[in-house]
N, C-alpha and C. Protein backbone atom coordinates (compact mmCIF):
# COMPACT_ATOMS: atom_id res chain seq x y z
N MET A 1 -99.15 -76.75 94.62
CA MET A 1 -98.89 -75.64 92.95
C MET A 1 -100.28 -76.61 92.31
N ILE A 2 -101.28 -76.01 91.84
CA ILE A 2 -101.63 -76.59 90.23
C ILE A 2 -100.75 -76.55 89.26
N CYS A 3 -100.95 -77.61 88.39
CA CYS A 3 -100.65 -77.34 87.23
C CYS A 3 -101.38 -77.67 85.67
N ALA A 4 -100.45 -77.93 84.90
CA ALA A 4 -101.90 -77.90 83.43
C ALA A 4 -102.53 -79.61 83.33
N VAL A 5 -103.63 -79.31 83.67
CA VAL A 5 -104.83 -80.81 83.75
C VAL A 5 -106.03 -80.36 82.79
N ALA A 6 -106.05 -79.20 81.93
CA ALA A 6 -107.05 -79.05 81.02
C ALA A 6 -107.25 -80.27 79.99
N LEU A 7 -105.97 -81.15 79.42
CA LEU A 7 -106.35 -81.97 78.36
C LEU A 7 -105.91 -83.30 79.02
N GLY A 8 -105.62 -83.19 80.28
CA GLY A 8 -105.82 -84.72 81.32
C GLY A 8 -103.76 -84.76 81.19
N PHE A 9 -103.43 -83.55 80.86
CA PHE A 9 -101.50 -83.76 80.92
C PHE A 9 -100.74 -84.05 82.08
N ALA A 10 -100.17 -84.91 81.77
CA ALA A 10 -99.69 -85.28 83.58
C ALA A 10 -99.33 -84.10 84.22
N ALA A 11 -99.51 -84.20 85.38
CA ALA A 11 -99.12 -83.19 86.34
C ALA A 11 -97.62 -83.10 86.70
N ALA A 12 -96.98 -84.31 86.38
CA ALA A 12 -95.33 -84.41 86.26
C ALA A 12 -94.69 -83.35 86.00
N ALA A 13 -95.27 -82.70 84.95
CA ALA A 13 -94.95 -81.94 83.71
C ALA A 13 -94.45 -80.64 84.94
N CYS A 14 -94.94 -80.52 86.05
CA CYS A 14 -94.71 -79.21 86.18
C CYS A 14 -93.22 -78.83 87.28
N GLY A 15 -92.31 -80.02 86.88
CA GLY A 15 -91.23 -79.85 87.04
C GLY A 15 -90.40 -78.71 86.52
N SER A 16 -90.89 -77.71 85.54
CA SER A 16 -90.21 -76.65 85.09
C SER A 16 -90.65 -75.53 85.75
N ARG A 17 -90.27 -75.89 87.23
CA ARG A 17 -90.49 -74.62 88.19
C ARG A 17 -89.80 -73.08 87.89
N GLY A 18 -90.11 -72.22 87.98
CA GLY A 18 -89.37 -70.74 87.50
C GLY A 18 -89.71 -70.30 86.22
N THR A 19 -89.70 -71.59 85.40
CA THR A 19 -89.78 -70.91 83.71
C THR A 19 -91.05 -70.65 83.29
N GLY A 20 -92.19 -70.97 83.80
CA GLY A 20 -93.80 -70.70 83.61
C GLY A 20 -93.99 -70.95 82.87
N THR A 21 -93.79 -72.42 81.51
CA THR A 21 -94.06 -72.95 81.04
C THR A 21 -93.84 -74.86 81.54
N VAL A 22 -94.78 -75.57 80.73
CA VAL A 22 -95.14 -76.61 80.67
C VAL A 22 -94.51 -77.21 79.51
N SER A 23 -94.25 -78.69 79.30
CA SER A 23 -93.99 -79.14 78.20
C SER A 23 -94.28 -80.83 78.05
N HIS A 24 -94.94 -81.28 77.22
CA HIS A 24 -95.36 -82.55 76.86
C HIS A 24 -94.83 -82.88 75.42
N ARG A 25 -94.43 -84.53 75.71
CA ARG A 25 -93.96 -85.33 74.67
C ARG A 25 -94.51 -86.16 74.10
N TYR A 26 -95.03 -86.26 72.86
CA TYR A 26 -95.82 -87.26 72.66
C TYR A 26 -95.33 -87.92 71.51
N VAL A 27 -95.17 -89.56 71.30
CA VAL A 27 -94.24 -90.09 70.05
C VAL A 27 -95.52 -91.26 69.95
N GLY A 28 -95.14 -91.47 68.26
CA GLY A 28 -95.57 -93.06 68.03
C GLY A 28 -95.57 -92.95 66.39
N THR A 29 -95.70 -94.47 66.35
CA THR A 29 -95.13 -94.74 64.39
C THR A 29 -96.68 -94.89 64.11
N LEU A 30 -96.99 -93.82 62.83
CA LEU A 30 -97.86 -94.06 62.26
C LEU A 30 -97.96 -94.60 60.90
N PRO A 31 -98.90 -95.17 60.63
CA PRO A 31 -99.21 -95.51 59.21
C PRO A 31 -98.62 -94.57 57.93
N ALA A 32 -97.54 -95.26 57.06
CA ALA A 32 -97.25 -94.04 55.76
C ALA A 32 -98.09 -95.14 54.43
N ALA A 33 -98.20 -94.20 53.39
CA ALA A 33 -98.55 -94.83 52.24
C ALA A 33 -97.73 -95.49 51.68
N ASP A 34 -96.28 -95.39 51.46
CA ASP A 34 -95.31 -95.87 50.56
C ASP A 34 -94.21 -96.60 51.68
N GLY A 35 -94.43 -96.79 52.48
CA GLY A 35 -93.29 -97.11 53.72
C GLY A 35 -93.35 -98.14 54.92
N PRO A 36 -92.86 -98.13 55.39
CA PRO A 36 -93.45 -99.23 56.83
C PRO A 36 -94.07 -98.52 58.03
N GLY A 37 -93.19 -97.11 57.78
CA GLY A 37 -94.52 -96.15 58.63
C GLY A 37 -93.54 -94.50 58.85
N ILE A 38 -93.92 -93.98 59.59
CA ILE A 38 -93.56 -92.42 59.76
C ILE A 38 -93.72 -92.63 61.33
N VAL A 39 -92.92 -91.88 62.08
CA VAL A 39 -92.02 -91.98 63.42
C VAL A 39 -92.73 -90.28 63.65
N TYR A 40 -93.82 -89.95 64.41
CA TYR A 40 -94.35 -88.46 65.08
C TYR A 40 -93.57 -88.44 66.19
N ASP A 41 -92.62 -87.11 66.61
CA ASP A 41 -92.28 -87.33 67.81
C ASP A 41 -92.28 -85.59 68.15
N LEU A 42 -93.20 -85.11 68.77
CA LEU A 42 -94.24 -83.76 68.81
C LEU A 42 -94.30 -83.63 70.53
N THR A 43 -93.27 -82.22 70.51
CA THR A 43 -93.78 -82.02 71.72
C THR A 43 -94.21 -80.60 72.03
N LEU A 44 -95.05 -80.77 72.69
CA LEU A 44 -96.41 -78.95 73.04
C LEU A 44 -95.48 -78.54 74.23
N SER A 45 -95.18 -77.25 74.01
CA SER A 45 -95.49 -76.59 75.17
C SER A 45 -96.22 -75.35 75.71
N GLY A 46 -96.35 -74.77 76.81
CA GLY A 46 -97.36 -73.76 76.96
C GLY A 46 -96.96 -73.30 78.28
N PRO A 47 -98.19 -72.20 78.39
CA PRO A 47 -98.06 -71.10 79.57
C PRO A 47 -98.37 -72.57 80.83
N ALA A 48 -97.51 -72.41 81.95
CA ALA A 48 -97.71 -72.89 83.42
C ALA A 48 -99.31 -72.44 83.64
N GLY A 49 -99.58 -73.16 84.66
CA GLY A 49 -101.06 -72.74 85.30
C GLY A 49 -101.92 -73.83 85.11
N ASP A 50 -103.20 -73.24 85.85
CA ASP A 50 -104.15 -74.53 85.74
C ASP A 50 -105.07 -75.02 84.87
N SER A 51 -104.52 -74.13 83.59
CA SER A 51 -105.41 -74.57 81.98
C SER A 51 -104.28 -74.19 80.91
N LEU A 52 -104.10 -75.95 80.01
CA LEU A 52 -103.05 -75.54 79.44
C LEU A 52 -103.75 -75.38 77.67
N VAL A 53 -104.29 -74.65 77.02
CA VAL A 53 -105.12 -74.54 75.76
C VAL A 53 -104.20 -74.04 74.85
N ARG A 54 -103.47 -73.83 75.00
CA ARG A 54 -102.57 -73.08 73.75
C ARG A 54 -101.13 -72.51 73.72
N GLY A 55 -100.04 -72.71 73.01
CA GLY A 55 -98.70 -72.61 73.33
C GLY A 55 -98.13 -73.23 71.52
N ASP A 56 -96.36 -73.18 71.55
CA ASP A 56 -95.76 -73.75 70.94
C ASP A 56 -95.82 -75.17 70.77
N PHE A 57 -95.38 -75.68 69.71
CA PHE A 57 -95.54 -77.27 69.18
C PHE A 57 -93.60 -76.96 68.31
N SER A 58 -93.42 -78.35 68.36
CA SER A 58 -92.13 -78.94 67.48
C SER A 58 -92.31 -80.36 67.07
N LEU A 59 -92.45 -80.43 65.92
CA LEU A 59 -92.34 -82.10 65.97
C LEU A 59 -91.63 -82.15 64.45
N THR A 60 -91.06 -83.47 64.59
CA THR A 60 -90.16 -84.56 63.73
C THR A 60 -90.98 -85.40 63.38
N MET A 61 -91.13 -85.75 62.18
CA MET A 61 -91.72 -86.91 61.13
C MET A 61 -90.55 -87.35 60.81
N THR A 62 -90.38 -88.55 60.79
CA THR A 62 -88.90 -89.66 60.11
C THR A 62 -89.81 -90.34 59.94
N TYR A 63 -89.38 -90.44 58.50
CA TYR A 63 -90.63 -91.16 57.30
C TYR A 63 -89.37 -92.51 57.48
N ILE A 64 -89.48 -93.92 57.84
CA ILE A 64 -88.89 -94.86 57.88
C ILE A 64 -88.78 -95.30 56.65
N GLU A 65 -87.40 -95.54 56.46
CA GLU A 65 -87.09 -96.53 54.89
C GLU A 65 -87.88 -95.27 53.77
N GLY A 66 -87.34 -93.85 54.12
CA GLY A 66 -88.11 -92.86 53.14
C GLY A 66 -87.56 -92.68 52.04
N ASP A 67 -85.90 -92.87 52.12
CA ASP A 67 -85.26 -92.31 50.75
C ASP A 67 -84.32 -93.49 50.71
N LYS A 68 -84.57 -94.48 49.71
CA LYS A 68 -83.42 -95.71 49.21
C LYS A 68 -83.01 -96.37 50.39
N GLY A 69 -84.32 -96.61 51.51
CA GLY A 69 -83.68 -97.60 52.28
C GLY A 69 -83.37 -97.14 53.37
N ARG A 70 -83.08 -95.41 53.67
CA ARG A 70 -82.66 -95.00 54.32
C ARG A 70 -83.66 -94.02 55.47
N ASP A 71 -83.75 -93.61 56.49
CA ASP A 71 -84.76 -93.08 57.14
C ASP A 71 -84.75 -91.57 56.82
N VAL A 72 -85.70 -90.90 56.50
CA VAL A 72 -85.67 -89.27 56.26
C VAL A 72 -86.38 -88.42 57.18
N SER A 73 -85.67 -87.43 58.03
CA SER A 73 -86.70 -86.94 58.92
C SER A 73 -86.83 -85.14 58.61
N PHE A 74 -87.92 -84.79 59.01
CA PHE A 74 -88.77 -83.45 58.65
C PHE A 74 -88.93 -82.63 59.57
N GLU A 75 -88.60 -81.49 59.78
CA GLU A 75 -89.01 -80.87 61.13
C GLU A 75 -90.16 -79.53 60.86
N SER A 76 -90.78 -79.71 61.54
CA SER A 76 -91.95 -78.22 61.52
C SER A 76 -91.89 -77.58 63.21
N ALA A 77 -92.40 -76.62 63.35
CA ALA A 77 -92.40 -76.08 64.44
C ALA A 77 -93.94 -75.25 64.01
N GLY A 78 -94.33 -74.52 65.76
CA GLY A 78 -95.48 -73.43 65.02
C GLY A 78 -96.14 -73.11 66.53
N ARG A 79 -97.87 -73.09 66.19
CA ARG A 79 -98.45 -72.71 67.53
C ARG A 79 -99.61 -73.95 67.55
N TRP A 80 -100.06 -74.00 68.62
CA TRP A 80 -101.58 -74.82 68.63
C TRP A 80 -102.42 -74.29 69.80
N THR A 81 -103.54 -74.86 69.26
CA THR A 81 -104.76 -74.54 70.52
C THR A 81 -105.64 -75.66 70.49
N THR A 82 -106.34 -75.39 71.25
CA THR A 82 -107.51 -76.42 71.81
C THR A 82 -108.62 -75.67 71.01
N LEU A 83 -109.56 -76.92 70.47
CA LEU A 83 -110.84 -76.47 69.98
C LEU A 83 -111.81 -77.38 70.69
N ARG A 84 -112.96 -77.20 70.71
CA ARG A 84 -114.08 -78.38 71.04
C ARG A 84 -114.78 -78.89 70.53
N GLY A 85 -114.85 -80.55 70.42
CA GLY A 85 -116.23 -80.69 69.23
C GLY A 85 -115.53 -81.49 67.96
N ILE A 86 -115.89 -82.98 67.50
CA ILE A 86 -115.90 -83.23 66.29
C ILE A 86 -117.05 -83.66 65.45
N PRO A 87 -117.25 -84.01 64.13
CA PRO A 87 -118.86 -84.57 63.54
C PRO A 87 -119.41 -85.35 64.86
N ASP A 88 -118.76 -86.48 65.30
CA ASP A 88 -119.37 -87.34 66.20
C ASP A 88 -119.14 -87.17 67.41
N ASP A 89 -118.36 -86.20 67.97
CA ASP A 89 -118.57 -85.99 69.17
C ASP A 89 -118.80 -84.36 69.90
N ALA A 90 -119.48 -83.86 70.08
CA ALA A 90 -119.56 -82.71 70.71
C ALA A 90 -118.93 -81.94 71.46
N GLU A 91 -118.15 -83.00 72.69
CA GLU A 91 -117.50 -82.59 73.91
C GLU A 91 -115.95 -82.91 73.28
N ALA A 92 -115.52 -83.92 72.33
CA ALA A 92 -114.25 -83.95 72.25
C ALA A 92 -112.93 -82.55 72.57
N VAL A 93 -112.15 -83.06 72.96
CA VAL A 93 -110.86 -81.99 73.20
C VAL A 93 -109.80 -82.02 72.16
N VAL A 94 -109.88 -81.05 70.79
CA VAL A 94 -109.33 -81.36 69.84
C VAL A 94 -108.00 -80.32 69.69
N LEU A 95 -106.84 -80.61 69.53
CA LEU A 95 -105.66 -80.42 69.21
C LEU A 95 -105.20 -79.52 67.90
N ARG A 96 -104.72 -78.03 67.74
CA ARG A 96 -104.76 -78.02 66.44
C ARG A 96 -103.68 -77.39 66.36
N LEU A 97 -102.71 -77.88 65.44
CA LEU A 97 -101.19 -77.58 64.93
C LEU A 97 -101.37 -76.84 63.79
N ILE A 98 -100.51 -75.71 64.05
CA ILE A 98 -100.65 -75.13 62.86
C ILE A 98 -99.49 -74.52 62.60
N SER A 99 -97.91 -74.71 61.58
CA SER A 99 -96.81 -74.86 61.28
C SER A 99 -96.60 -73.12 61.08
N SER A 100 -95.72 -73.01 61.53
CA SER A 100 -95.21 -70.98 60.95
C SER A 100 -94.31 -71.18 59.79
N GLU A 101 -94.71 -72.41 58.66
CA GLU A 101 -94.25 -72.15 57.58
C GLU A 101 -94.78 -71.31 56.87
N ARG A 102 -93.98 -70.00 55.86
CA ARG A 102 -94.89 -69.17 55.62
C ARG A 102 -95.49 -69.27 53.92
N LEU A 103 -94.48 -70.58 53.35
CA LEU A 103 -95.11 -70.63 51.93
C LEU A 103 -96.13 -71.46 51.84
N HIS A 104 -95.89 -72.92 53.00
CA HIS A 104 -96.65 -73.70 52.63
C HIS A 104 -97.27 -73.91 54.28
N PRO A 105 -97.91 -73.40 55.28
CA PRO A 105 -98.20 -73.73 56.15
C PRO A 105 -99.15 -75.09 56.33
N ASP A 106 -98.99 -75.97 57.34
CA ASP A 106 -99.77 -76.65 57.22
C ASP A 106 -100.22 -76.92 58.94
N THR A 107 -101.72 -77.64 59.03
CA THR A 107 -102.38 -77.64 59.96
C THR A 107 -102.68 -79.50 59.99
N LEU A 108 -102.71 -79.55 61.53
CA LEU A 108 -102.54 -81.19 61.79
C LEU A 108 -103.81 -80.97 63.10
N HIS A 109 -104.44 -81.93 62.87
CA HIS A 109 -105.59 -81.86 64.38
C HIS A 109 -105.38 -83.18 64.98
N PHE A 110 -104.98 -83.40 66.17
CA PHE A 110 -105.52 -84.60 67.40
C PHE A 110 -106.30 -84.28 67.90
N LEU A 111 -106.89 -85.50 68.30
CA LEU A 111 -107.96 -86.14 69.55
C LEU A 111 -107.26 -86.10 70.64
N SER A 112 -107.65 -85.10 71.80
CA SER A 112 -106.64 -85.43 73.11
C SER A 112 -107.60 -86.56 73.97
N PHE A 113 -106.59 -87.42 74.14
CA PHE A 113 -107.14 -88.44 75.75
C PHE A 113 -106.24 -88.20 76.82
N GLY A 114 -105.39 -87.51 77.17
CA GLY A 114 -104.59 -86.79 77.57
C GLY A 114 -103.18 -87.39 77.92
N ASP A 115 -103.04 -88.67 77.85
CA ASP A 115 -102.20 -89.95 78.02
C ASP A 115 -101.99 -90.13 76.02
N ARG A 116 -102.73 -90.11 75.83
CA ARG A 116 -102.41 -90.22 73.98
C ARG A 116 -103.25 -89.21 73.05
N LEU A 117 -102.77 -89.03 71.59
CA LEU A 117 -103.43 -88.43 70.95
C LEU A 117 -103.50 -88.94 69.64
N GLU A 118 -104.90 -89.10 69.10
CA GLU A 118 -105.28 -89.53 68.13
C GLU A 118 -104.93 -88.86 66.69
N LEU A 119 -103.73 -88.91 65.61
CA LEU A 119 -104.44 -88.18 64.30
C LEU A 119 -105.60 -88.09 63.70
N LEU A 120 -106.13 -86.74 63.43
CA LEU A 120 -107.74 -86.77 62.88
C LEU A 120 -107.10 -86.84 61.71
N GLY A 121 -108.20 -87.20 60.72
CA GLY A 121 -108.22 -86.56 59.22
C GLY A 121 -108.64 -85.09 59.05
N MET A 122 -108.55 -84.55 57.76
CA MET A 122 -108.71 -83.20 57.52
C MET A 122 -109.58 -82.80 57.44
N ASP A 123 -110.98 -83.61 57.24
CA ASP A 123 -112.13 -83.39 58.58
C ASP A 123 -112.75 -83.31 59.59
N LEU A 124 -111.71 -83.35 60.52
CA LEU A 124 -111.91 -83.80 61.67
C LEU A 124 -112.30 -85.03 61.85
N GLN A 125 -112.42 -86.02 61.14
CA GLN A 125 -113.14 -87.37 61.31
C GLN A 125 -111.98 -88.40 61.78
N ARG A 126 -112.52 -88.84 63.02
CA ARG A 126 -111.16 -90.11 63.44
C ARG A 126 -111.22 -91.30 62.22
N VAL A 127 -110.24 -91.54 61.97
CA VAL A 127 -109.64 -92.56 60.74
C VAL A 127 -110.26 -93.88 61.59
N ARG A 128 -111.03 -94.66 60.58
CA ARG A 128 -111.55 -95.35 60.63
C ARG A 128 -111.03 -97.04 59.92
N THR A 129 -109.36 -97.18 59.85
CA THR A 129 -108.84 -98.11 59.27
C THR A 129 -108.59 -99.44 59.61
N GLY A 130 -108.76 -99.54 61.17
CA GLY A 130 -108.38 -100.21 61.87
C GLY A 130 -106.43 -100.55 62.35
N VAL A 131 -105.77 -99.34 61.93
CA VAL A 131 -104.38 -99.48 61.58
C VAL A 131 -104.28 -97.70 63.13
N ASN A 132 -103.10 -98.27 63.70
CA ASN A 132 -103.11 -97.36 64.60
C ASN A 132 -102.26 -95.88 64.23
N HIS A 133 -103.06 -94.71 64.62
CA HIS A 133 -103.29 -93.34 64.25
C HIS A 133 -102.93 -92.41 65.59
N THR A 134 -102.10 -93.44 66.67
CA THR A 134 -102.13 -92.64 67.69
C THR A 134 -100.70 -92.71 68.53
N LEU A 135 -100.47 -91.20 68.87
CA LEU A 135 -99.11 -90.73 69.64
C LEU A 135 -99.32 -90.94 71.36
N VAL A 136 -98.44 -91.52 71.90
CA VAL A 136 -98.49 -91.68 73.63
C VAL A 136 -97.44 -90.52 74.24
N LEU A 137 -97.90 -90.16 75.20
CA LEU A 137 -97.56 -89.69 76.12
C LEU A 137 -95.95 -90.19 76.58
N LYS A 138 -94.80 -89.57 76.73
CA LYS A 138 -93.79 -90.10 76.72
C LYS A 138 -93.28 -89.45 78.23
N GLU A 139 -93.32 -88.12 77.88
CA GLU A 139 -93.14 -87.10 79.46
C GLU A 139 -93.71 -85.71 79.55
């Protein structure tokens, strides 16, 4: 059986036999402007096959100590697709996440390294601040 490898996703995700879908979960703590950080918990789902280039996503962002010292979580969901290239790398594989929120749709871009994703700026540039902007494949 051939599993999704287009983005370097782990072949172990083929465990969902019969369902026709593959899921991958990425987690990481990214910097926050006014707090200790934001935990991103991102699940990408898509059709099983020999290439995974689009599908659905769910994202939970937990702002550590975001409300008077308490963690605050926000959830979003929508569709994702892949793009090719960023300004300084024409061969880069980029995931574009577009939320299904009708009033205020949000778009995030991640540079894919297979077992990790790096959050890109709105201009599709890599953030060069010296701090971590990476989510790591968990399952």
